[in-house]
Structure formats: structure tokens, C-alpha cells
């Protein structure tokens, strides 16, 4: 795992200027997922060069954040609480507070009080709730709450998680639809899109890990998340992966979503959010092994679908092209980093 993770990380930090999927030097969700994953990799390995890269990346790109107050541009800020803790630089804390206050007081909301999913591209999705928001913005809020001991931020993070689960969860299968339109009161194309499920499968245990230090986690959240993970395992294919729309078994396998779900399974068992059932352990191990052949020798992760809004039809998801992206690299790096950390912990246990 260590060799695979190192190759993935090294490809991410290379200069891919002009490549929309791999260019780190922007301030948006694509590099945002990348730096979140790099922080996870640093925490697993303690490689000083990873921390140095993150600090230098923020310094190079922080000015680009000023004009992008949308949900998707919140993602890079999720590393700020840890950078404050690791460096002691007050600026990281001050920026985290500024952005958290914007989320609580100014960010557009739907009539159900969910953060409306807003993007840096010149397009709007009024009154739409997307699963993506939980990872792109709520994770940052939870980490800031934990670092500062701020109950107000933690309460908002918890409410956003619950609202998104209530609006997006399919009562029958337990898995999530990609989005919800608050105006028309429907799930639009009603696609059970794999990467949407991955954002929440991975994001919720990360969020719970932070806010559980400040408040009890309600039974509803645990029940809904358990139902989600049970449903996801039911849709896992024999090869260990998930189709890009998980209930469409003839659609192409999608690696970023599969890796995110695998990470979510591992993280949720680790944090006690779900029971460490043998079926969950087997499912997470299968996806880890299934992802490895999609990592090229140069560290590029293949089989990753491009950026995807809520599509007009289920069939349209299968037409999204695949190409290398930082979020694909990132979700795979998170999965591999968790495996590295678990291996080190197991080796440290005395016999």
C-alpha cells in the first residue's frame, strides 16, 4: 500500500497547469479534495514533505479564494484547523472563523435550511440540495468546531448532516439520491449516483469524529448512516467496485466513488459509527484490492468520472467521460492512507 500511496501523492503534487482535472493551483473543490486527502496522508505517514507542500500550496493560492464564496470553494479550508494546530499560525484560525461565520450567516439556504449547493462555474442551482455539500463544506465546519471548541459551529454541522440525510435518503434501499429540488419536491433524475453516496459515506464519519467531542450524536444520524452503509454494500459488484449509478449494473465502474465508499466503511467502523461486521470489513477490503489495478505505474488513477452536476436523466450519468482528477486521486489516497495507518497500528500492538 505504501508504494501505491506514494505514487498517487507524487502525481498529485506535479505541475499539471491547464489540466482541468489535475491542476492544483486553483481554489475550488477539485484541489480542495486533493489537499484534504494529502492531509490524511500526512497524518498516516508523518512525512514532513507533505505538510510542507500543503503550507506552500495555501501560500501560493490563498489570494484566489477571496472572490469565490460558494459551497464548492469551501473544500480547501478543511485543512486550515489542522494547519493551525500544526504550525501555531493564527492566520489559519482567523480565516477558518471568517469562513465559518459566512457559512452560518450568509451562505444561501434552501427552504429546508440546507446549504444551497453553489459552484464557482457560471451556473446556479436554486433551491437544490446535493450530497456533495456534506464533504465540501460541512466537513470544514465540523473541523473548525472541534479545533476551537465552538458548539455553535458543531450544532450547524450536525443539522446540515441530518437535513441532507432526510432529504436525500431512499427509504427502500437506504442509499442516497444525488440531489433534491426543494421547489419541485423531488429528486430530479432520481439517480443513485455512486460518488454522491461516497461524499456522504466518507464525510459523515469524519464529521462525527470531530463534533462527538462537543455533543452527543443523535440516534437518528446513526440509524440513517447504518442503513446507508448496509444499502451500499448490497450494491457492491462482484469485482469489489460500484457502477457509476449503483443500481445500473451494466454501467461503467467508477473508481473515485468506490474508493470513497470503501474509505467510509473503514472510517465508520473505526469511529464506532457502524458495527465492525465481517460483511463490512470484507466489503472494504475488496474495494481496496479492486482499486489497485486502476493506479498506473506513474500514479495516475484511472476510471474516474468527470465533474458531474445532477444530470437530467439516469442514462446521462453513464455518458460522463472518465479522466484523471485530483478528487479521484484524493479519494484513492484516503483509502490507501487509512490502510497504511491501520497496518502501523497493528504492528505497534505488542504480542
Protein backbone atom coordinates (compact mmCIF):
# COMPACT_ATOMS: atom_id res chain seq x y z
CA UNK A 1 0.00 0.00 0.00
CA UNK A 2 2.82 2.38 0.82
CA UNK A 3 4.25 2.26 -2.70
CA UNK A 4 0.83 2.82 -4.29
CA UNK A 5 0.03 5.74 -1.96
CA UNK A 6 3.39 7.38 -2.62
CA UNK A 7 2.90 7.20 -6.38
CA UNK A 8 -0.60 8.68 -6.14
CA UNK A 9 0.61 11.53 -3.91
CA UNK A 10 3.62 12.31 -6.08
CA UNK A 11 1.45 12.58 -9.19
CA UNK A 12 -0.89 14.99 -7.38
CA UNK A 13 1.86 17.46 -6.48
CA UNK A 14 3.27 17.65 -10.00
CA UNK A 15 2.65 20.68 -12.19
CA UNK A 16 -0.50 19.99 -14.22
CA UNK A 17 -1.20 23.60 -15.15
CA UNK A 18 -4.08 23.88 -17.59
CA UNK A 19 -5.39 20.38 -16.92
CA UNK A 20 -8.87 20.98 -15.51
CA UNK A 21 -8.90 17.73 -13.57
CA UNK A 22 -5.34 17.73 -12.19
CA UNK A 23 -4.36 21.40 -11.79
CA UNK A 24 -3.64 22.03 -8.09
CA UNK A 25 -3.23 25.77 -8.47
CA UNK A 26 -6.88 26.76 -8.17
CA UNK A 27 -9.21 27.37 -5.22
CA UNK A 28 -12.16 25.07 -5.69
CA UNK A 29 -13.47 21.65 -4.74
CA UNK A 30 -11.20 19.71 -7.13
CA UNK A 31 -7.89 20.73 -5.49
CA UNK A 32 -9.83 21.00 -2.23
CA UNK A 33 -10.46 17.27 -2.12
CA UNK A 34 -6.83 16.85 -3.11
CA UNK A 35 -5.45 18.79 -0.14
CA UNK A 36 -7.91 17.11 2.28
CA UNK A 37 -6.52 13.77 1.12
CA UNK A 38 -2.93 14.98 1.37
CA UNK A 39 -3.54 15.98 4.98
CA UNK A 40 -4.91 12.50 5.62
CA UNK A 41 -1.77 11.07 4.01
CA UNK A 42 0.44 13.25 6.21
CA UNK A 43 -1.42 12.14 9.33
CA UNK A 44 -0.93 8.50 8.31
CA UNK A 45 2.75 8.76 7.44
CA UNK A 46 4.07 11.90 9.20
CA UNK A 47 6.09 12.67 6.07
CA UNK A 48 7.30 16.26 6.60
CA UNK A 49 7.37 16.98 2.87
CA UNK A 50 3.60 16.53 2.67
CA UNK A 51 2.98 19.15 5.35
CA UNK A 52 5.48 21.48 3.67
CA UNK A 53 3.64 21.09 0.37
CA UNK A 54 0.27 21.94 1.98
CA UNK A 55 1.63 25.06 3.66
CA UNK A 56 3.24 26.23 0.42
CA UNK A 57 0.10 25.40 -1.56
CA UNK A 58 -2.03 27.62 0.67
CA UNK A 59 0.50 30.43 0.42
CA UNK A 60 0.52 30.22 -3.41
CA UNK A 61 -3.23 30.06 -3.83
CA UNK A 62 -4.85 31.88 -0.90
CA UNK A 63 -5.46 35.09 -2.86
CA UNK A 64 -7.63 33.13 -5.30
CA UNK A 65 -10.09 32.37 -2.51
CA UNK A 66 -11.22 35.95 -1.98
CA UNK A 67 -13.73 36.07 -4.83
CA UNK A 68 -15.13 32.54 -4.58
CA UNK A 69 -17.64 32.41 -1.74
CA UNK A 70 -19.57 29.34 -2.81
CA UNK A 71 -20.07 25.90 -1.26
CA UNK A 72 -17.59 24.17 -3.55
CA UNK A 73 -14.84 26.66 -2.73
CA UNK A 74 -15.12 25.83 0.98
CA UNK A 75 -13.39 22.47 0.50
CA UNK A 76 -9.76 23.69 0.74
CA UNK A 77 -10.47 25.36 4.09
CA UNK A 78 -10.99 21.93 5.67
CA UNK A 79 -7.22 21.68 6.16
CA UNK A 80 -6.98 25.02 7.99
CA UNK A 81 -7.83 23.78 11.53
CA UNK A 82 -5.08 21.14 11.32
CA UNK A 83 -2.58 23.62 9.84
CA UNK A 84 -3.31 25.97 12.73
CA UNK A 85 -2.72 23.17 15.21
CA UNK A 86 0.48 22.01 13.49
CA UNK A 87 2.05 25.43 12.88
CA UNK A 88 0.53 27.72 15.51
CA UNK A 89 -0.04 30.35 12.83
CA UNK A 90 -3.01 32.47 13.93
CA UNK A 91 -3.90 33.35 10.35
CA UNK A 92 -5.26 29.84 9.73
CA UNK A 93 -7.59 30.15 12.72
CA UNK A 94 -8.73 33.64 11.76
CA UNK A 95 -9.53 32.54 8.22
CA UNK A 96 -11.38 29.44 9.45
CA UNK A 97 -13.55 31.60 11.72
CA UNK A 98 -14.23 34.12 8.94
CA UNK A 99 -15.36 31.39 6.54
CA UNK A 100 -17.38 29.54 9.18
CA UNK A 101 -19.24 32.75 10.00
CA UNK A 102 -20.01 33.26 6.31
CA UNK A 103 -21.47 29.75 6.15
CA UNK A 104 -23.67 30.34 9.18
CA UNK A 105 -24.86 33.85 8.39
CA UNK A 106 -24.61 34.49 4.64
CA UNK A 107 -24.44 31.26 2.63
CA UNK A 108 -27.62 30.74 0.58
CA UNK A 109 -30.02 28.18 2.06
CA UNK A 110 -32.98 26.27 0.77
CA UNK A 111 -36.39 26.47 2.37
CA UNK A 112 -35.45 23.39 4.46
CA UNK A 113 -32.39 25.34 5.71
CA UNK A 114 -29.89 23.15 3.88
CA UNK A 115 -26.90 24.93 2.39
CA UNK A 116 -27.85 25.51 -1.24
CA UNK A 117 -25.22 23.88 -3.45
CA UNK A 118 -23.34 26.73 -5.14
CA UNK A 119 -20.38 26.39 -7.51
CA UNK A 120 -17.59 28.50 -8.98
CA UNK A 121 -18.77 27.90 -12.54
CA UNK A 122 -21.17 30.45 -14.05
CA UNK A 123 -24.31 28.44 -13.33
CA UNK A 124 -26.79 28.36 -10.46
CA UNK A 125 -28.87 25.57 -8.98
CA UNK A 126 -31.53 27.43 -6.95
CA UNK A 127 -33.17 25.53 -4.10
CA UNK A 128 -31.10 22.41 -4.86
CA UNK A 129 -29.57 20.18 -2.19
CA UNK A 130 -26.63 18.00 -3.29
CA UNK A 131 -24.91 15.22 -1.38
CA UNK A 132 -21.57 16.81 -2.35
CA UNK A 133 -22.13 19.69 0.11
CA UNK A 134 -21.53 17.49 3.15
CA UNK A 135 -17.93 16.82 2.14
CA UNK A 136 -17.21 20.20 0.52
CA UNK A 137 -18.46 22.48 3.30
CA UNK A 138 -19.85 20.69 6.36
CA UNK A 139 -16.59 18.82 7.00
CA UNK A 140 -14.76 22.15 7.23
CA UNK A 141 -17.35 23.45 9.68
CA UNK A 142 -17.04 20.36 11.89
CA UNK A 143 -13.25 20.55 11.97
CA UNK A 144 -13.33 24.21 12.87
CA UNK A 145 -15.86 23.49 15.61
CA UNK A 146 -13.61 20.81 17.07
CA UNK A 147 -10.41 22.86 16.89
CA UNK A 148 -11.99 25.90 18.54
CA UNK A 149 -14.44 24.12 20.85
CA UNK A 150 -17.27 26.05 19.18
CA UNK A 151 -20.66 24.48 19.95
CA UNK A 152 -22.47 26.77 17.52
CA UNK A 153 -20.45 25.51 14.57
CA UNK A 154 -20.85 21.90 15.73
CA UNK A 155 -24.63 22.26 16.01
CA UNK A 156 -24.85 23.65 12.47
CA UNK A 157 -22.67 20.84 11.12
CA UNK A 158 -24.90 18.26 12.79
CA UNK A 159 -28.08 19.87 11.48
CA UNK A 160 -26.72 20.01 7.94
CA UNK A 161 -25.85 16.30 8.06
CA UNK A 162 -29.34 15.41 9.29
CA UNK A 163 -31.10 17.64 6.76
CA UNK A 164 -29.11 16.15 3.88
CA UNK A 165 -29.80 12.60 5.01
CA UNK A 166 -33.52 13.26 5.44
CA UNK A 167 -33.86 14.85 2.01
CA UNK A 168 -31.63 12.51 0.01
CA UNK A 169 -32.08 9.04 1.52
CA UNK A 170 -34.12 6.45 -0.34
CA UNK A 171 -36.34 4.80 2.28
CA UNK A 172 -36.40 1.50 0.43
CA UNK A 173 -32.74 0.85 -0.38
CA UNK A 174 -31.14 3.09 2.23
CA UNK A 175 -28.76 4.67 -0.29
CA UNK A 176 -28.84 8.29 -1.40
CA UNK A 177 -30.12 10.11 -4.43
CA UNK A 178 -27.72 12.67 -5.88
CA UNK A 179 -29.89 15.69 -5.26
CA UNK A 180 -33.19 17.16 -4.09
CA UNK A 181 -35.10 20.09 -5.61
CA UNK A 182 -36.88 21.95 -2.84
CA UNK A 183 -39.16 23.74 -5.26
CA UNK A 184 -40.48 20.78 -7.21
CA UNK A 185 -40.19 18.50 -4.15
CA UNK A 186 -38.46 15.65 -5.96
CA UNK A 187 -35.06 14.02 -6.52
CA UNK A 188 -34.92 15.27 -10.11
CA UNK A 189 -33.49 12.37 -12.15
CA UNK A 190 -33.58 10.17 -9.02
CA UNK A 191 -30.11 8.80 -9.73
CA UNK A 192 -28.45 6.70 -7.06
CA UNK A 193 -25.11 8.11 -8.17
CA UNK A 194 -22.15 6.37 -6.60
CA UNK A 195 -19.90 9.38 -5.98
CA UNK A 196 -22.74 11.29 -4.31
CA UNK A 197 -23.05 8.40 -1.89
CA UNK A 198 -19.27 8.40 -1.45
CA UNK A 199 -19.16 12.05 -0.39
CA UNK A 200 -21.54 11.31 2.46
CA UNK A 201 -20.25 7.80 3.25
CA UNK A 202 -16.76 9.25 3.72
CA UNK A 203 -17.75 12.65 5.08
CA UNK A 204 -20.10 11.70 7.91
CA UNK A 205 -17.65 9.59 9.97
CA UNK A 206 -15.05 12.34 9.53
CA UNK A 207 -17.59 14.89 10.78
CA UNK A 208 -18.82 12.71 13.64
CA UNK A 209 -15.24 12.16 14.77
CA UNK A 210 -14.91 15.94 15.21
CA UNK A 211 -18.23 17.00 16.70
CA UNK A 212 -18.71 14.00 19.02
CA UNK A 213 -16.18 15.68 21.29
CA UNK A 214 -18.63 18.55 21.75
CA UNK A 215 -22.08 16.95 21.72
CA UNK A 216 -23.86 13.59 21.66
CA UNK A 217 -24.59 12.12 18.24
CA UNK A 218 -28.34 11.53 17.86
CA UNK A 219 -29.74 8.07 17.26
CA UNK A 220 -31.36 9.25 14.02
CA UNK A 221 -27.98 10.01 12.46
CA UNK A 222 -26.55 6.64 13.48
CA UNK A 223 -29.62 4.78 12.23
CA UNK A 224 -29.71 6.58 8.90
CA UNK A 225 -25.98 6.15 8.34
CA UNK A 226 -26.15 2.44 9.23
CA UNK A 227 -28.99 2.00 6.75
CA UNK A 228 -26.94 3.83 4.13
CA UNK A 229 -23.89 1.63 4.56
CA UNK A 230 -25.92 -1.58 4.55
CA UNK A 231 -27.56 -0.46 1.31
CA UNK A 232 -24.23 0.42 -0.27
CA UNK A 233 -22.76 -2.99 0.49
CA UNK A 234 -25.80 -4.57 -1.15
CA UNK A 235 -24.99 -2.70 -4.37
CA UNK A 236 -21.28 -3.61 -4.41
CA UNK A 237 -20.47 -5.64 -7.53
CA UNK A 238 -18.66 -8.97 -7.50
CA UNK A 239 -15.45 -7.27 -8.62
CA UNK A 240 -15.48 -5.12 -5.45
CA UNK A 241 -16.49 -1.88 -7.17
CA UNK A 242 -19.68 0.12 -7.76
CA UNK A 243 -21.18 1.16 -11.10
CA UNK A 244 -21.29 4.91 -11.65
CA UNK A 245 -25.05 4.65 -10.97
CA UNK A 246 -25.03 1.85 -8.46
CA UNK A 247 -28.32 0.16 -9.33
CA UNK A 248 -27.39 0.06 -13.03
CA UNK A 249 -25.06 -2.94 -13.07
CA UNK A 250 -24.20 -2.59 -16.77
CA UNK A 251 -22.90 0.97 -16.33
CA UNK A 252 -19.15 1.52 -16.07
CA UNK A 253 -17.38 1.02 -12.75
CA UNK A 254 -16.41 4.31 -11.10
CA UNK A 255 -13.20 4.37 -9.05
CA UNK A 256 -13.44 7.61 -7.08
CA UNK A 257 -16.89 6.78 -5.72
CA UNK A 258 -15.88 3.20 -4.98
CA UNK A 259 -12.78 4.38 -3.09
CA UNK A 260 -14.83 6.92 -1.12
CA UNK A 261 -17.34 4.28 -0.05
CA UNK A 262 -14.52 1.93 0.91
CA UNK A 263 -12.92 4.66 3.00
CA UNK A 264 -16.28 5.45 4.60
CA UNK A 265 -16.75 1.83 5.63
CA UNK A 266 -13.31 1.71 7.23
CA UNK A 267 -13.61 5.09 8.93
CA UNK A 268 -17.13 4.42 10.23
CA UNK A 269 -16.08 1.11 11.80
CA UNK A 270 -13.03 2.78 13.31
CA UNK A 271 -15.08 5.57 14.89
CA UNK A 272 -17.85 3.24 16.09
CA UNK A 273 -20.48 4.80 13.87
CA UNK A 274 -21.31 1.35 12.49
CA UNK A 275 -20.71 -2.10 13.93
CA UNK A 276 -17.47 -3.77 12.74
CA UNK A 277 -19.37 -6.53 10.98
CA UNK A 278 -17.44 -9.09 8.98
CA UNK A 279 -19.51 -8.18 5.91
CA UNK A 280 -18.39 -4.54 6.18
CA UNK A 281 -14.76 -5.48 6.71
CA UNK A 282 -14.86 -7.83 3.73
CA UNK A 283 -16.53 -5.20 1.54
CA UNK A 284 -13.93 -2.55 2.43
CA UNK A 285 -11.05 -4.95 1.85
CA UNK A 286 -12.50 -5.98 -1.52
CA UNK A 287 -12.75 -2.42 -2.77
CA UNK A 288 -9.20 -1.65 -1.65
CA UNK A 289 -7.87 -4.56 -3.66
CA UNK A 290 -10.14 -3.76 -6.61
CA UNK A 291 -8.90 -0.16 -6.84
CA UNK A 292 -5.19 -1.01 -7.05
CA UNK A 293 -5.19 -2.17 -10.72
CA UNK A 294 -6.58 1.25 -11.70
CA UNK A 295 -3.44 3.00 -10.42
CA UNK A 296 -0.95 3.39 -13.27
CA UNK A 297 2.77 2.99 -12.70
CA UNK A 298 3.10 6.79 -12.77
CA UNK A 299 0.46 7.18 -10.02
CA UNK A 300 -2.45 8.33 -12.19
CA UNK A 301 -5.79 6.89 -11.07
CA UNK A 302 -7.94 5.74 -13.96
CA UNK A 303 -11.70 5.18 -14.17
CA UNK A 304 -12.74 8.47 -12.54
CA UNK A 305 -15.82 10.23 -13.90
CA UNK A 306 -15.64 13.93 -14.62
CA UNK A 307 -17.31 16.65 -12.58
CA UNK A 308 -21.00 15.88 -12.52
CA UNK A 309 -24.00 18.07 -11.67
CA UNK A 310 -27.38 16.46 -11.08
CA UNK A 311 -27.97 15.09 -14.55
CA UNK A 312 -31.30 15.30 -16.42
CA UNK A 313 -31.60 11.52 -16.66
CA UNK A 314 -30.08 8.39 -15.18
CA UNK A 315 -28.70 7.45 -18.60
CA UNK A 316 -26.79 10.73 -18.78
CA UNK A 317 -24.56 9.70 -15.86
CA UNK A 318 -23.20 6.82 -17.90
CA UNK A 319 -22.20 9.27 -20.62
CA UNK A 320 -19.92 11.32 -18.34
CA UNK A 321 -16.35 10.74 -19.59
CA UNK A 322 -13.60 9.45 -17.32
CA UNK A 323 -10.26 11.21 -16.95
CA UNK A 324 -7.65 11.81 -14.21
CA UNK A 325 -8.75 14.22 -11.49
CA UNK A 326 -7.45 15.40 -8.14
CA UNK A 327 -10.60 14.22 -6.40
CA UNK A 328 -10.14 10.77 -7.89
CA UNK A 329 -6.51 10.76 -6.76
CA UNK A 330 -7.64 12.11 -3.40
CA UNK A 331 -10.33 9.59 -2.57
CA UNK A 332 -7.99 6.74 -3.54
CA UNK A 333 -5.20 8.29 -1.44
CA UNK A 334 -7.54 8.49 1.56
CA UNK A 335 -8.43 4.82 1.19
CA UNK A 336 -4.75 3.83 0.94
CA UNK A 337 -3.74 6.15 3.80
CA UNK A 338 -6.27 4.52 6.10
CA UNK A 339 -4.83 1.12 5.23
CA UNK A 340 -1.32 2.41 6.00
CA UNK A 341 -2.43 3.79 9.35
CA UNK A 342 -4.18 0.57 10.32
CA UNK A 343 -1.15 -1.50 9.38
CA UNK A 344 1.10 0.66 11.54
CA UNK A 345 -1.31 0.42 14.48
CA UNK A 346 -1.50 -3.33 14.20
CA UNK A 347 2.29 -3.64 14.05
CA UNK A 348 2.57 -1.48 17.18
CA UNK A 349 0.33 -3.81 19.24
CA UNK A 350 2.60 -5.94 21.47
CA UNK A 351 2.13 -9.68 21.29
